[in-house]
């Protein structure tokens, strides 16, 4: 599981197998490319950070 932290401080969790890449774009922003939940293809969005979480471990 991966926990994305968005620039506004909110967060979400995504299954690791849906993540294609995390990188810095041309403007120097940290972004991720992931598969859309509706399986319509990948999309790219800005993030502030991320954590890779261990299976079976509870995080607040």
Protein backbone atom coordinates (compact mmCIF):
# COMPACT_ATOMS: atom_id res chain seq x y z
CA UNK A 1 0.00 0.00 0.00
CA UNK A 2 1.20 3.51 -0.70
CA UNK A 3 0.10 6.61 1.21
CA UNK A 4 0.12 9.78 -0.89
CA UNK A 5 0.35 13.14 0.84
CA UNK A 6 -1.17 15.91 -1.29
CA UNK A 7 0.09 19.53 -1.36
CA UNK A 8 -2.91 20.66 0.75
CA UNK A 9 -1.96 18.22 3.55
CA UNK A 10 -4.68 15.65 2.87
CA UNK A 11 -3.80 12.07 2.03
CA UNK A 12 -5.09 8.92 0.39
CA UNK A 13 -4.07 5.28 0.15
CA UNK A 14 -3.55 3.35 -3.11
CA UNK A 15 -2.62 -0.27 -3.78
CA UNK A 16 1.03 -0.38 -4.80
CA UNK A 17 0.27 -2.35 -7.98
CA UNK A 18 -1.73 0.64 -9.36
CA UNK A 19 1.24 3.02 -9.14
CA UNK A 20 3.29 3.36 -12.33
CA UNK A 21 5.80 6.04 -11.30
CA UNK A 22 6.74 8.76 -8.82
CA UNK A 23 9.02 11.46 -10.23
CA UNK A 24 9.82 15.17 -10.46
CA UNK A 25 8.24 16.84 -13.49
CA UNK A 26 9.66 19.60 -15.71
CA UNK A 27 8.46 22.27 -13.25
CA UNK A 28 10.22 20.57 -10.33
CA UNK A 29 6.99 19.30 -8.74
CA UNK A 30 6.78 15.81 -7.23
CA UNK A 31 4.13 13.88 -9.16
CA UNK A 32 2.83 10.35 -9.44
CA UNK A 33 1.32 8.45 -12.33
CA UNK A 34 -1.23 5.80 -11.35
CA UNK A 35 -4.01 3.77 -12.90
CA UNK A 36 -7.47 5.32 -12.57
CA UNK A 37 -9.91 3.44 -10.34
CA UNK A 38 -12.31 3.04 -13.29
CA UNK A 39 -9.52 1.40 -15.32
CA UNK A 40 -9.71 4.15 -17.97
CA UNK A 41 -5.93 4.46 -18.01
CA UNK A 42 -3.18 6.25 -16.11
CA UNK A 43 -3.37 9.81 -14.82
CA UNK A 44 -0.76 12.11 -13.30
CA UNK A 45 -1.23 14.20 -10.16
CA UNK A 46 0.92 16.36 -7.88
CA UNK A 47 1.93 15.07 -4.46
CA UNK A 48 3.89 16.50 -1.55
CA UNK A 49 5.25 13.12 -0.46
CA UNK A 50 4.51 9.44 -0.09
CA UNK A 51 5.11 6.46 2.17
CA UNK A 52 5.25 2.79 1.28
CA UNK A 53 3.37 0.96 4.02
CA UNK A 54 4.00 -2.57 5.23
CA UNK A 55 1.24 -5.15 4.83
CA UNK A 56 -0.66 -5.87 8.06
CA UNK A 57 0.65 -2.81 9.92
CA UNK A 58 -1.89 -0.23 11.19
CA UNK A 59 -1.11 3.44 10.59
CA UNK A 60 -3.13 6.36 12.00
